[in-house]
């Protein structure tokens, strides 16, 4: 016996609204009785943190408070879809197990990746076993009448706090602490008390579609800092002394020559006058507003130098380093841990790019050439910014500049630039007035977003824009007349005078369901019938209604982003590797 999952034209990674098609290939060496073949598409966001010594703020009741050193876990089912590959939909509902002949059998299945995570829908999670369906079984006959398909207990997700966001990317890199993985799992149910079900799974990579970008404008986000070089010490112009050296008790009688009066001027006086005012410049780094970077693309950075004081000194850019800093916020119940990663995008030294010239007027701005960083894309290990229930990723951009007063010597600068901030003693004993003075200037962007580069389809973007402003749909009764409008509560409405476009409204979760026992189902249904509008015979929804974006996404067919044009992404080293998080006891 062997089980294999064969995906049709698998891409480098999947994204939202992709349709995954595949087959379950089952090879049998003898006759086997099979009750059903279940395929699941799952995504998990798992975190594990150790209890610190001061665990007074963990939020756990005193009788269950863990001790220092214990590990707590949090597992969110961000994606959970179930499909039955065998028997198919046309099979009778009460069909019994089927005996399969020896050989190779193919069972097709199909999934469509949703837009948002599923664990944030409390009502849908409550209906996946545990509350509505006894023992975590889906409706159906099954063994002992407990149900057909074995599903997860969705009530465990009700213990955590959730946010409804776009599905996060596949993510590893913090062994034993955090990971986000996506799987395709197959279970072959074998009826019988002493027969174990066959299971098999494969991992896959996922990269989400980026949110709609704001329209292009001339606005820019900037980080700027003025600076001024220290004044140089002018060299000594006094003539050498002609006094003879005498003993301790002796005294020289050689007369001192009088200083020249009215003689020719010192040729170095003009140079001293030019060095009297050190250069003062303002350096600014600018990004399009809002500051958005794109995976596998270069940074749209502009460096501008502005002269602030009149000076004849020349200033050069001699070194530059651009770092992208990623901050991962790991949450596990009430514990929070921050992890930092740093990617060096560009690091160049030994440059000689003019920044300020002597004949430039005060206020002159010079745009530095971007050839150094314009052709350097972001590494494919950088994932887009995201936020999910227990994990989030933020980014900062740091630009470090090395500037010199005076044109640096190539050999001298190479010997003095062993590190970006490190100094050297090779200039010891030399005339400091002739050595270019260097300073290092950091420019920081504290909040930078990174997008995946997978643009959403124009139809979905337009539907999302219309969905925020379109009025509610009018419902009609059987006779075609509109029913009476009932007042509906509208939570999360900003008060008068407060703009709601500055930030998106917080997701409103439906009321938490209450477990009902079979004994009081009929009584509760009689006492609390569903509220129906005129002309309705049944409640309009069984599950929580989808958002307008999800409804429009379900109507779209075909790949949203061409498979051949998808960039490289290496957020997961091995998608089929075992989980690095410790097992929960």
Protein backbone atom coordinates (compact mmCIF):
# COMPACT_ATOMS: atom_id res chain seq x y z
CA UNK A 1 0.00 0.00 0.00
CA UNK A 2 1.22 3.49 -0.83
CA UNK A 3 -0.40 6.93 -0.77
CA UNK A 4 0.72 9.90 -2.80
CA UNK A 5 -0.69 13.39 -3.41
CA UNK A 6 -0.09 14.63 -6.96
CA UNK A 7 -0.79 18.34 -7.55
CA UNK A 8 -1.51 19.64 -11.04
CA UNK A 9 1.02 22.25 -12.20
CA UNK A 10 2.16 23.25 -8.70
CA UNK A 11 3.69 26.75 -8.63
CA UNK A 12 6.62 27.94 -6.56
CA UNK A 13 4.05 29.10 -4.02
CA UNK A 14 0.29 29.48 -3.84
CA UNK A 15 -1.55 32.72 -3.19
CA UNK A 16 -5.05 33.91 -2.43
CA UNK A 17 -7.83 32.86 -4.81
CA UNK A 18 -5.63 30.17 -6.38
CA UNK A 19 -7.43 26.97 -7.33
CA UNK A 20 -5.49 23.92 -6.28
CA UNK A 21 -6.23 20.74 -8.23
CA UNK A 22 -4.75 17.36 -7.56
CA UNK A 23 -5.25 13.65 -7.17
CA UNK A 24 -4.90 11.19 -4.34
CA UNK A 25 -2.99 8.26 -5.81
CA UNK A 26 -3.66 5.09 -3.85
CA UNK A 27 -1.76 1.93 -4.79
CA UNK A 28 -3.06 -1.33 -3.30
CA UNK A 29 -1.49 -4.76 -3.34
CA UNK A 30 -4.66 -6.52 -2.18
CA UNK A 31 -8.36 -5.92 -1.73
CA UNK A 32 -9.10 -3.20 0.82
CA UNK A 33 -12.35 -1.92 2.28
CA UNK A 34 -12.50 1.87 2.26
CA UNK A 35 -15.21 3.94 3.85
CA UNK A 36 -14.17 7.40 2.61
CA UNK A 37 -11.17 9.40 1.42
CA UNK A 38 -11.00 12.85 3.00
CA UNK A 39 -8.67 15.64 1.84
CA UNK A 40 -8.00 18.71 3.98
CA UNK A 41 -6.31 22.01 3.18
CA UNK A 42 -4.94 23.39 6.44
CA UNK A 43 -2.85 26.30 7.62
CA UNK A 44 -1.48 26.69 11.13
CA UNK A 45 0.09 29.59 12.97
CA UNK A 46 1.87 28.13 15.98
CA UNK A 47 3.78 29.82 18.79
CA UNK A 48 5.47 28.52 21.95
CA UNK A 49 7.03 30.65 24.69
CA UNK A 50 8.55 29.81 28.03
CA UNK A 51 7.16 31.21 31.25
CA UNK A 52 9.55 33.83 32.71
CA UNK A 53 10.49 33.96 36.35
CA UNK A 54 7.88 36.66 36.98
CA UNK A 55 4.70 34.97 35.75
CA UNK A 56 2.27 37.21 37.57
CA UNK A 57 0.96 38.69 34.31
CA UNK A 58 0.26 35.51 32.33
CA UNK A 59 -3.48 35.81 32.86
CA UNK A 60 -3.84 32.12 33.89
CA UNK A 61 -6.01 31.28 36.92
CA UNK A 62 -4.07 30.64 40.09
CA UNK A 63 -4.98 26.95 40.26
CA UNK A 64 -3.60 26.44 36.73
CA UNK A 65 -0.75 28.95 36.81
CA UNK A 66 2.36 27.40 35.24
CA UNK A 67 5.69 27.66 36.93
CA UNK A 68 8.80 29.35 35.60
CA UNK A 69 10.39 27.37 32.80
CA UNK A 70 7.17 25.78 31.57
CA UNK A 71 6.18 26.25 27.94
CA UNK A 72 2.77 27.47 26.84
CA UNK A 73 1.39 27.04 23.33
CA UNK A 74 -1.01 28.74 20.99
CA UNK A 75 -2.15 27.15 17.72
CA UNK A 76 -4.44 28.97 15.29
CA UNK A 77 -6.14 27.18 12.40
CA UNK A 78 -5.85 30.07 9.97
CA UNK A 79 -7.02 27.84 7.10
CA UNK A 80 -9.26 24.80 7.28
CA UNK A 81 -11.08 23.30 4.32
CA UNK A 82 -12.38 19.76 3.97
CA UNK A 83 -13.33 17.88 0.79
CA UNK A 84 -14.43 14.30 0.27
CA UNK A 85 -12.63 12.73 -2.67
CA UNK A 86 -14.32 9.33 -2.35
CA UNK A 87 -17.15 8.54 -2.62
CA UNK A 88 -18.17 11.43 -4.80
CA UNK A 89 -21.15 13.73 -4.40
CA UNK A 90 -23.40 11.49 -6.51
CA UNK A 91 -23.08 8.55 -4.12
CA UNK A 92 -26.16 7.81 -1.98
CA UNK A 93 -25.88 9.25 1.55
CA UNK A 94 -26.31 5.89 3.28
CA UNK A 95 -23.82 4.03 1.08
CA UNK A 96 -21.65 1.57 2.98
CA UNK A 97 -17.93 0.88 2.66
CA UNK A 98 -16.61 -0.07 -0.75
CA UNK A 99 -14.04 -2.74 -1.54
CA UNK A 100 -11.26 -1.51 -3.84
CA UNK A 101 -9.41 -3.93 -6.09
CA UNK A 102 -5.62 -4.20 -6.15
CA UNK A 103 -3.93 -1.66 -8.37
CA UNK A 104 -3.59 2.09 -8.65
CA UNK A 105 -6.56 4.36 -7.98
CA UNK A 106 -6.88 8.12 -8.59
CA UNK A 107 -9.27 10.34 -6.65
CA UNK A 108 -9.42 14.00 -7.75
CA UNK A 109 -9.90 16.92 -5.37
CA UNK A 110 -9.98 20.69 -5.65
CA UNK A 111 -9.60 23.63 -3.27
CA UNK A 112 -9.71 27.39 -3.60
CA UNK A 113 -7.57 29.46 -1.29
CA UNK A 114 -9.68 32.06 0.55
CA UNK A 115 -8.80 35.65 1.20
CA UNK A 116 -8.90 35.89 5.00
CA UNK A 117 -8.05 33.56 7.84
CA UNK A 118 -10.79 31.27 9.07
CA UNK A 119 -10.07 31.13 12.81
CA UNK A 120 -11.45 34.65 13.26
CA UNK A 121 -14.99 33.47 12.43
CA UNK A 122 -16.15 32.34 15.86
CA UNK A 123 -19.52 31.05 14.67
CA UNK A 124 -17.99 28.94 11.92
CA UNK A 125 -15.37 27.53 14.30
CA UNK A 126 -18.04 26.62 16.84
CA UNK A 127 -19.87 24.56 14.22
CA UNK A 128 -16.79 22.44 13.42
CA UNK A 129 -17.22 19.74 16.02
CA UNK A 130 -17.44 20.00 19.75
CA UNK A 131 -20.55 22.22 20.08
CA UNK A 132 -23.00 21.55 17.28
CA UNK A 133 -21.72 18.15 16.13
CA UNK A 134 -21.04 15.57 18.81
CA UNK A 135 -17.46 14.49 19.23
CA UNK A 136 -16.07 16.57 16.40
CA UNK A 137 -17.70 14.63 13.57
CA UNK A 138 -19.33 16.16 10.54
CA UNK A 139 -22.94 15.18 9.69
CA UNK A 140 -23.32 11.72 8.22
CA UNK A 141 -23.87 8.10 9.15
CA UNK A 142 -20.38 6.88 10.00
CA UNK A 143 -19.37 4.41 12.65
CA UNK A 144 -21.81 4.06 15.59
CA UNK A 145 -23.85 6.92 14.13
CA UNK A 146 -21.38 9.53 15.34
CA UNK A 147 -20.94 11.18 11.98
CA UNK A 148 -19.07 10.66 8.75
CA UNK A 149 -15.95 12.83 8.43
CA UNK A 150 -13.73 13.31 11.45
CA UNK A 151 -12.97 17.03 11.76
CA UNK A 152 -11.11 19.15 14.26
CA UNK A 153 -12.68 20.49 17.43
CA UNK A 154 -13.29 24.10 16.48
CA UNK A 155 -14.25 25.10 20.02
CA UNK A 156 -10.56 25.11 20.96
CA UNK A 157 -10.14 28.18 18.76
CA UNK A 158 -12.69 30.06 20.90
CA UNK A 159 -10.21 30.18 23.77
CA UNK A 160 -7.90 32.55 21.88
CA UNK A 161 -8.25 36.10 20.67
CA UNK A 162 -8.40 36.47 16.89
CA UNK A 163 -8.09 39.06 14.16
CA UNK A 164 -9.54 38.78 10.67
CA UNK A 165 -6.75 39.55 8.22
CA UNK A 166 -5.37 38.33 4.92
CA UNK A 167 -3.78 34.89 5.16
CA UNK A 168 -0.14 35.28 6.30
CA UNK A 169 2.84 33.92 4.33
CA UNK A 170 4.63 30.69 5.09
CA UNK A 171 7.17 31.41 7.74
CA UNK A 172 9.96 29.65 9.64
CA UNK A 173 13.21 30.90 11.10
CA UNK A 174 12.65 30.80 14.86
CA UNK A 175 13.01 27.11 15.78
CA UNK A 176 11.02 26.12 18.80
CA UNK A 177 9.26 29.48 18.99
CA UNK A 178 7.10 30.33 15.97
CA UNK A 179 6.14 29.06 12.52
CA UNK A 180 3.38 29.32 9.91
CA UNK A 181 2.85 26.26 7.72
CA UNK A 182 0.35 25.10 5.13
CA UNK A 183 -0.48 21.46 4.37
CA UNK A 184 -2.56 19.18 2.19
CA UNK A 185 -3.62 16.16 4.24
CA UNK A 186 -5.41 13.00 3.15
CA UNK A 187 -7.09 10.44 5.38
CA UNK A 188 -8.28 7.08 4.10
CA UNK A 189 -10.92 5.78 6.49
CA UNK A 190 -10.92 2.04 6.99
CA UNK A 191 -14.01 0.77 8.79
CA UNK A 192 -13.38 -1.66 11.59
CA UNK A 193 -12.52 -1.60 15.26
CA UNK A 194 -8.97 -2.87 14.82
CA UNK A 195 -8.05 -1.11 11.58
CA UNK A 196 -6.13 2.12 11.64
CA UNK A 197 -6.82 4.89 9.16
CA UNK A 198 -4.14 5.68 6.60
CA UNK A 199 -2.83 9.24 6.57
CA UNK A 200 -0.47 11.23 4.39
CA UNK A 201 0.39 14.92 4.01
CA UNK A 202 2.58 17.28 1.99
CA UNK A 203 3.63 20.85 2.74
CA UNK A 204 3.38 23.85 0.48
CA UNK A 205 4.46 27.48 0.37
CA UNK A 206 2.05 30.39 0.49
CA UNK A 207 2.54 34.08 -0.26
CA UNK A 208 -0.47 36.41 0.02
CA UNK A 209 -1.75 38.96 -2.43
CA UNK A 210 -0.74 42.47 -1.48
CA UNK A 211 -3.42 44.98 -0.42
CA UNK A 212 -4.48 47.66 -2.90
CA UNK A 213 -1.81 50.32 -3.21
CA UNK A 214 -2.73 53.98 -2.77
CA UNK A 215 -2.73 56.10 -5.93
CA UNK A 216 0.62 57.58 -6.91
CA UNK A 217 1.35 61.08 -5.68
CA UNK A 218 4.26 63.48 -5.23
CA UNK A 219 4.29 63.06 -1.45
CA UNK A 220 7.39 61.55 0.10
CA UNK A 221 8.37 60.16 3.46
CA UNK A 222 11.76 61.40 4.54
CA UNK A 223 14.43 61.04 7.20
CA UNK A 224 16.82 63.98 7.31
CA UNK A 225 19.63 65.20 9.53
CA UNK A 226 21.82 68.32 9.30
CA UNK A 227 25.49 68.13 10.20
CA UNK A 228 28.62 70.29 10.20
CA UNK A 229 32.26 69.33 10.18
CA UNK A 230 34.56 70.41 12.99
CA UNK A 231 36.81 73.41 12.17
CA UNK A 232 40.30 72.45 11.16
CA UNK A 233 43.36 73.69 13.04
CA UNK A 234 45.40 75.93 10.70
CA UNK A 235 49.07 74.96 10.29
CA UNK A 236 51.73 77.09 12.08
CA UNK A 237 53.31 79.92 9.95
CA UNK A 238 55.93 81.24 12.47
CA UNK A 239 59.56 81.24 11.15
CA UNK A 240 61.93 78.75 12.70
CA UNK A 241 63.79 79.99 15.76
CA UNK A 242 67.49 80.94 15.38
CA UNK A 243 68.28 80.94 19.09
CA UNK A 244 71.18 78.72 19.99
CA UNK A 245 70.78 75.97 22.46
CA UNK A 246 72.64 76.69 25.71
CA UNK A 247 73.33 74.90 28.94
CA UNK A 248 71.23 75.13 32.06
CA UNK A 249 73.43 77.84 33.58
CA UNK A 250 74.32 79.55 30.33
CA UNK A 251 72.48 82.07 28.23
CA UNK A 252 72.63 82.69 24.53
CA UNK A 253 73.69 86.09 23.23
CA UNK A 254 72.61 85.52 19.66
CA UNK A 255 70.02 88.20 18.81
CA UNK A 256 66.57 87.15 17.53
CA UNK A 257 65.79 88.29 14.00
CA UNK A 258 62.97 90.83 13.94
CA UNK A 259 59.73 89.76 12.24
CA UNK A 260 59.34 90.97 8.67
CA UNK A 261 57.32 94.14 8.29
CA UNK A 262 55.50 94.88 5.08
CA UNK A 263 56.94 91.81 3.47
CA UNK A 264 55.10 89.56 1.04
CA UNK A 265 52.00 87.84 2.45
CA UNK A 266 52.01 84.18 3.35
CA UNK A 267 50.74 82.12 0.41
CA UNK A 268 48.84 79.83 2.78
CA UNK A 269 46.72 82.69 4.21
CA UNK A 270 44.14 82.35 1.43
CA UNK A 271 43.84 78.63 2.11
CA UNK A 272 43.34 79.33 5.78
CA UNK A 273 40.57 81.79 4.97
CA UNK A 274 38.81 79.18 2.88
CA UNK A 275 39.07 76.68 5.69
CA UNK A 276 37.75 79.08 8.29
CA UNK A 277 34.10 78.00 7.67
CA UNK A 278 33.63 74.22 7.76
CA UNK A 279 30.99 72.73 5.42
CA UNK A 280 27.48 72.31 6.82
CA UNK A 281 25.07 70.12 4.88
CA UNK A 282 21.66 68.50 5.43
CA UNK A 283 21.31 64.93 4.17
CA UNK A 284 17.83 63.50 3.58
CA UNK A 285 16.68 60.06 2.51
CA UNK A 286 13.27 59.96 0.83
CA UNK A 287 10.78 57.24 -0.06
CA UNK A 288 7.40 57.52 -1.78
CA UNK A 289 4.63 58.10 0.76
CA UNK A 290 3.45 55.77 2.20
CA UNK A 291 6.81 54.03 2.53
CA UNK A 292 6.27 50.73 0.69
CA UNK A 293 8.93 48.29 -0.44
CA UNK A 294 8.29 45.33 -2.73
CA UNK A 295 9.67 41.82 -2.42
CA UNK A 296 12.37 40.96 -4.97
CA UNK A 297 12.58 44.58 -6.14
CA UNK A 298 14.98 47.44 -5.44
CA UNK A 299 14.36 50.17 -2.89
CA UNK A 300 12.86 53.37 -4.39
CA UNK A 301 15.23 55.54 -2.36
CA UNK A 302 16.41 59.08 -3.09
CA UNK A 303 19.36 60.75 -1.34
CA UNK A 304 19.45 64.56 -1.43
CA UNK A 305 22.15 66.85 -0.02
CA UNK A 306 21.39 70.51 0.78
CA UNK A 307 24.11 73.08 1.46
CA UNK A 308 23.44 75.05 4.65
CA UNK A 309 26.47 77.37 5.05
CA UNK A 310 28.85 79.19 2.69
CA UNK A 311 32.06 77.23 2.50
CA UNK A 312 34.69 76.48 -0.09
CA UNK A 313 35.21 72.96 1.20
CA UNK A 314 34.29 69.95 -0.91
CA UNK A 315 32.22 67.14 0.59
CA UNK A 316 32.15 63.60 -0.80
CA UNK A 317 30.10 60.49 -0.10
CA UNK A 318 32.69 57.82 0.71
CA UNK A 319 30.55 54.97 2.16
CA UNK A 320 26.93 53.82 2.27
CA UNK A 321 25.13 50.93 3.92
CA UNK A 322 21.39 50.19 3.68
CA UNK A 323 19.90 47.75 6.20
CA UNK A 324 16.37 46.39 6.39
CA UNK A 325 15.39 45.49 9.95
CA UNK A 326 12.54 43.05 10.51
CA UNK A 327 10.71 42.93 13.83
CA UNK A 328 8.68 39.78 14.50
CA UNK A 329 6.19 40.04 17.34
CA UNK A 330 5.49 36.60 18.80
CA UNK A 331 2.39 36.29 21.00
CA UNK A 332 1.44 33.27 23.05
CA UNK A 333 -1.57 33.85 25.27
CA UNK A 334 -0.47 36.87 27.35
CA UNK A 335 3.26 36.52 26.68
CA UNK A 336 4.92 38.65 23.99
CA UNK A 337 8.44 38.32 22.60
CA UNK A 338 10.13 40.48 19.95
CA UNK A 339 12.66 39.01 17.53
CA UNK A 340 14.87 41.13 15.26
CA UNK A 341 16.39 40.23 11.90
CA UNK A 342 18.72 42.38 9.84
CA UNK A 343 19.38 42.18 6.10
CA UNK A 344 22.26 44.16 4.60
CA UNK A 345 20.89 45.28 1.24
CA UNK A 346 23.81 47.47 0.10
CA UNK A 347 27.27 47.99 1.62
CA UNK A 348 29.79 50.03 -0.37
CA UNK A 349 33.02 51.74 0.70
CA UNK A 350 35.82 53.56 -1.06
CA UNK A 351 33.40 55.85 -2.93
CA UNK A 352 34.11 59.38 -4.08
CA UNK A 353 30.74 60.88 -5.04
CA UNK A 354 30.57 64.73 -4.85
CA UNK A 355 27.96 66.01 -2.44
CA UNK A 356 28.81 69.73 -2.17
CA UNK A 357 31.04 71.87 -4.40
CA UNK A 358 32.77 75.16 -3.51
CA UNK A 359 30.85 77.21 -6.09
CA UNK A 360 27.41 75.96 -4.94
CA UNK A 361 25.18 78.60 -3.40
CA UNK A 362 23.61 78.19 0.02
CA UNK A 363 20.39 76.16 -0.32
CA UNK A 364 21.55 74.20 -3.36
CA UNK A 365 20.18 70.63 -3.40
CA UNK A 366 22.13 67.82 -5.04
CA UNK A 367 20.41 64.51 -5.85
CA UNK A 368 22.91 61.71 -5.49
CA UNK A 369 22.98 59.06 -8.25
CA UNK A 370 21.04 55.92 -7.34
CA UNK A 371 23.10 53.47 -9.39
CA UNK A 372 24.52 51.97 -6.18
CA UNK A 373 21.20 50.60 -4.87
CA UNK A 374 18.82 50.89 -7.80
CA UNK A 375 19.79 47.52 -9.28
CA UNK A 376 19.93 45.58 -6.01
CA UNK A 377 16.65 43.73 -5.27
CA UNK A 378 15.53 42.66 -1.83
CA UNK A 379 16.59 39.10 -0.92
CA UNK A 380 13.98 36.41 -1.50
CA UNK A 381 14.12 35.49 2.20
CA UNK A 382 12.23 38.70 3.08
CA UNK A 383 8.53 38.10 3.55
CA UNK A 384 5.85 40.79 3.26
CA UNK A 385 4.52 42.61 6.28
CA UNK A 386 1.63 40.75 7.85
CA UNK A 387 -0.49 40.45 10.95
CA UNK A 388 -2.27 37.37 12.18
CA UNK A 389 -3.66 36.28 15.52
CA UNK A 390 -0.40 35.38 17.27
CA UNK A 391 2.31 36.58 14.87
CA UNK A 392 3.10 39.81 13.05
CA UNK A 393 6.03 41.24 11.10
CA UNK A 394 7.07 44.90 10.88
CA UNK A 395 10.01 46.53 9.12
CA UNK A 396 12.38 49.47 9.55
CA UNK A 397 14.88 50.91 7.06
CA UNK A 398 18.25 52.22 8.16
CA UNK A 399 20.55 54.19 5.84
CA UNK A 400 24.09 54.87 7.10
CA UNK A 401 26.22 57.37 5.18
CA UNK A 402 29.93 58.11 5.36
CA UNK A 403 30.85 61.70 4.35
CA UNK A 404 34.29 63.27 3.99
CA UNK A 405 35.44 66.90 3.93
CA UNK A 406 37.96 66.90 1.14
CA UNK A 407 38.54 64.40 -1.63
CA UNK A 408 39.70 61.17 -0.08
CA UNK A 409 42.75 59.34 -1.31
CA UNK A 410 41.77 55.95 -2.70
CA UNK A 411 44.64 54.06 -1.09
CA UNK A 412 44.47 56.00 2.15
CA UNK A 413 40.70 55.59 2.42
CA UNK A 414 40.90 51.89 1.64
CA UNK A 415 43.38 51.40 4.45
CA UNK A 416 41.30 53.42 6.89
CA UNK A 417 37.94 51.78 6.08
CA UNK A 418 38.41 48.32 7.49
CA UNK A 419 34.89 48.63 8.92
CA UNK A 420 32.06 51.07 8.47
CA UNK A 421 32.42 52.65 11.91
CA UNK A 422 35.85 51.30 12.81
CA UNK A 423 38.84 53.61 12.95
CA UNK A 424 42.48 53.06 12.17
CA UNK A 425 45.81 54.31 13.49
CA UNK A 426 47.50 54.45 10.09
CA UNK A 427 47.23 58.27 10.04
CA UNK A 428 49.16 58.62 13.28
CA UNK A 429 52.03 61.04 12.86
CA UNK A 430 50.64 62.68 9.73
CA UNK A 431 49.54 66.28 9.36
CA UNK A 432 45.87 66.21 10.40
CA UNK A 433 45.12 69.33 8.37
CA UNK A 434 45.73 67.38 5.15
CA UNK A 435 43.64 64.31 6.09
CA UNK A 436 39.98 64.33 4.94
CA UNK A 437 37.66 64.58 7.90
CA UNK A 438 34.95 61.88 7.93
CA UNK A 439 31.65 61.55 9.76
CA UNK A 440 29.06 58.78 9.75
CA UNK A 441 25.41 59.75 9.59
CA UNK A 442 22.44 57.37 10.28
CA UNK A 443 19.03 58.00 8.70
CA UNK A 444 16.16 55.81 9.95
CA UNK A 445 12.64 55.06 8.72
CA UNK A 446 10.84 53.63 11.74
CA UNK A 447 7.83 52.24 9.84
CA UNK A 448 8.20 50.68 6.41
CA UNK A 449 5.77 48.27 4.78
CA UNK A 450 6.88 45.42 2.55
CA UNK A 451 4.41 44.16 -0.07
CA UNK A 452 4.56 40.80 -1.80
CA UNK A 453 4.43 42.20 -5.33
CA UNK A 454 1.35 40.10 -6.20
CA UNK A 455 -1.14 42.73 -7.25
CA UNK A 456 -4.82 41.86 -6.73
CA UNK A 457 -7.05 41.72 -9.81
CA UNK A 458 -8.65 44.97 -10.88
CA UNK A 459 -12.14 43.49 -10.49
CA UNK A 460 -11.49 42.62 -6.85
CA UNK A 461 -10.01 46.03 -6.07
CA UNK A 462 -13.01 47.76 -7.58
CA UNK A 463 -15.36 45.46 -5.71
CA UNK A 464 -13.60 46.22 -2.43
CA UNK A 465 -13.89 49.95 -3.04
CA UNK A 466 -17.55 49.68 -3.91
CA UNK A 467 -18.19 47.33 -1.01
CA UNK A 468 -17.13 49.99 1.51
CA UNK A 469 -19.57 52.55 0.14
CA UNK A 470 -22.39 50.56 -1.50
CA UNK A 471 -25.73 50.44 0.33
CA UNK A 472 -27.20 47.24 1.68
CA UNK A 473 -29.01 45.03 -0.77
CA UNK A 474 -32.77 45.17 -0.76
CA UNK A 475 -34.49 41.87 -0.12
CA UNK A 476 -37.75 41.05 -1.84
CA UNK A 477 -40.49 38.70 -0.77
CA UNK A 478 -42.21 36.01 -2.80
CA UNK A 479 -44.57 38.55 -4.34
CA UNK A 480 -41.72 40.74 -5.55
CA UNK A 481 -42.46 43.54 -3.13
CA UNK A 482 -39.70 44.79 -0.80
CA UNK A 483 -40.23 43.74 2.83
CA UNK A 484 -40.40 46.22 5.66
CA UNK A 485 -37.02 47.47 6.72
CA UNK A 486 -36.12 46.44 10.22
CA UNK A 487 -33.69 48.56 12.26
CA UNK A 488 -30.34 46.82 12.38
CA UNK A 489 -27.60 47.54 14.93
CA UNK A 490 -24.51 49.14 13.44
CA UNK A 491 -21.58 48.66 15.78
CA UNK A 492 -18.19 50.29 15.46
CA UNK A 493 -19.47 53.57 13.94
CA UNK A 494 -17.17 56.51 14.67
CA UNK A 495 -18.73 59.50 16.45
CA UNK A 496 -19.51 62.74 14.72
CA UNK A 497 -16.46 64.74 13.74
CA UNK A 498 -14.05 61.77 13.78
CA UNK A 499 -12.72 60.65 10.42
CA UNK A 500 -13.04 56.92 9.89
CA UNK A 501 -10.85 56.75 6.78
CA UNK A 502 -7.61 57.15 8.72
CA UNK A 503 -7.70 53.60 9.98
CA UNK A 504 -9.77 50.53 9.07
CA UNK A 505 -12.59 49.60 11.43
CA UNK A 506 -11.88 46.86 13.90
CA UNK A 507 -13.47 43.51 13.02
CA UNK A 508 -16.75 42.84 14.77
CA UNK A 509 -17.07 39.24 15.86
CA UNK A 510 -20.50 37.61 16.05
CA UNK A 511 -21.85 36.72 19.49
CA UNK A 512 -20.26 33.71 21.06
CA UNK A 513 -22.43 30.63 20.59
CA UNK A 514 -23.82 28.79 23.58
CA UNK A 515 -23.61 25.03 23.71
CA UNK A 516 -26.99 23.35 23.47
CA UNK A 517 -27.79 19.81 24.61
CA UNK A 518 -30.06 17.52 22.61
CA UNK A 519 -32.64 17.55 25.41
CA UNK A 520 -33.36 21.25 25.22
CA UNK A 521 -32.96 21.77 21.46
CA UNK A 522 -36.68 21.45 20.81
CA UNK A 523 -37.69 23.59 23.76
CA UNK A 524 -35.28 26.35 22.84
CA UNK A 525 -36.44 26.24 19.22
CA UNK A 526 -40.01 26.67 20.39
CA UNK A 527 -39.25 29.43 22.86
CA UNK A 528 -36.76 31.31 20.68
CA UNK A 529 -37.71 30.83 17.04
CA UNK A 530 -35.50 32.47 14.41
CA UNK A 531 -36.42 36.06 13.55
CA UNK A 532 -37.75 36.05 10.00
CA UNK A 533 -38.66 38.98 7.83
CA UNK A 534 -42.00 39.13 6.02
CA UNK A 535 -42.08 36.63 3.20
CA UNK A 536 -39.26 34.43 4.55
CA UNK A 537 -39.83 30.79 5.42
CA UNK A 538 -36.30 29.99 6.66
CA UNK A 539 -33.39 31.92 8.11
CA UNK A 540 -31.34 33.57 5.35
CA UNK A 541 -27.99 32.29 6.67
CA UNK A 542 -26.83 29.13 8.34
CA UNK A 543 -23.22 30.20 8.77
CA UNK A 544 -21.89 33.69 9.34
CA UNK A 545 -22.34 35.74 6.16
CA UNK A 546 -19.14 36.30 4.18
CA UNK A 547 -17.72 39.73 3.62
CA UNK A 548 -18.27 41.48 0.33
CA UNK A 549 -14.65 40.95 -0.65
CA UNK A 550 -14.88 37.21 0.01
CA UNK A 551 -18.13 36.97 -1.91
CA UNK A 552 -16.55 38.66 -4.92
CA UNK A 553 -13.45 36.51 -4.59
CA UNK A 554 -15.51 33.33 -4.74
CA UNK A 555 -16.97 34.41 -8.06
CA UNK A 556 -13.55 34.78 -9.70
CA UNK A 557 -12.06 31.84 -11.58
CA UNK A 558 -8.62 31.14 -12.94
CA UNK A 559 -5.22 32.11 -11.52
CA UNK A 560 -5.16 35.66 -10.22
CA UNK A 561 -1.43 35.98 -10.77
CA UNK A 562 0.30 34.07 -13.61
CA UNK A 563 2.28 31.11 -12.34
CA UNK A 564 5.25 31.80 -14.62
CA UNK A 565 5.55 35.43 -13.46
CA UNK A 566 5.65 34.76 -9.74
CA UNK A 567 8.85 35.89 -7.99
CA UNK A 568 11.04 33.62 -5.90
CA UNK A 569 10.19 33.26 -2.24
CA UNK A 570 12.15 31.31 0.37
CA UNK A 571 10.29 32.02 3.59
CA UNK A 572 10.33 28.30 4.41
CA UNK A 573 13.53 26.31 4.02
CA UNK A 574 11.78 22.95 3.71
CA UNK A 575 8.00 22.93 3.60
CA UNK A 576 7.94 19.15 4.21
CA UNK A 577 10.22 19.23 7.24
CA UNK A 578 8.91 18.31 10.65
CA UNK A 579 7.72 21.03 12.97
CA UNK A 580 10.44 22.64 15.09
CA UNK A 581 8.10 23.47 17.95
CA UNK A 582 8.14 21.15 20.97
CA UNK A 583 5.23 18.83 21.37
CA UNK A 584 2.52 19.87 23.78
CA UNK A 585 2.23 17.58 26.78
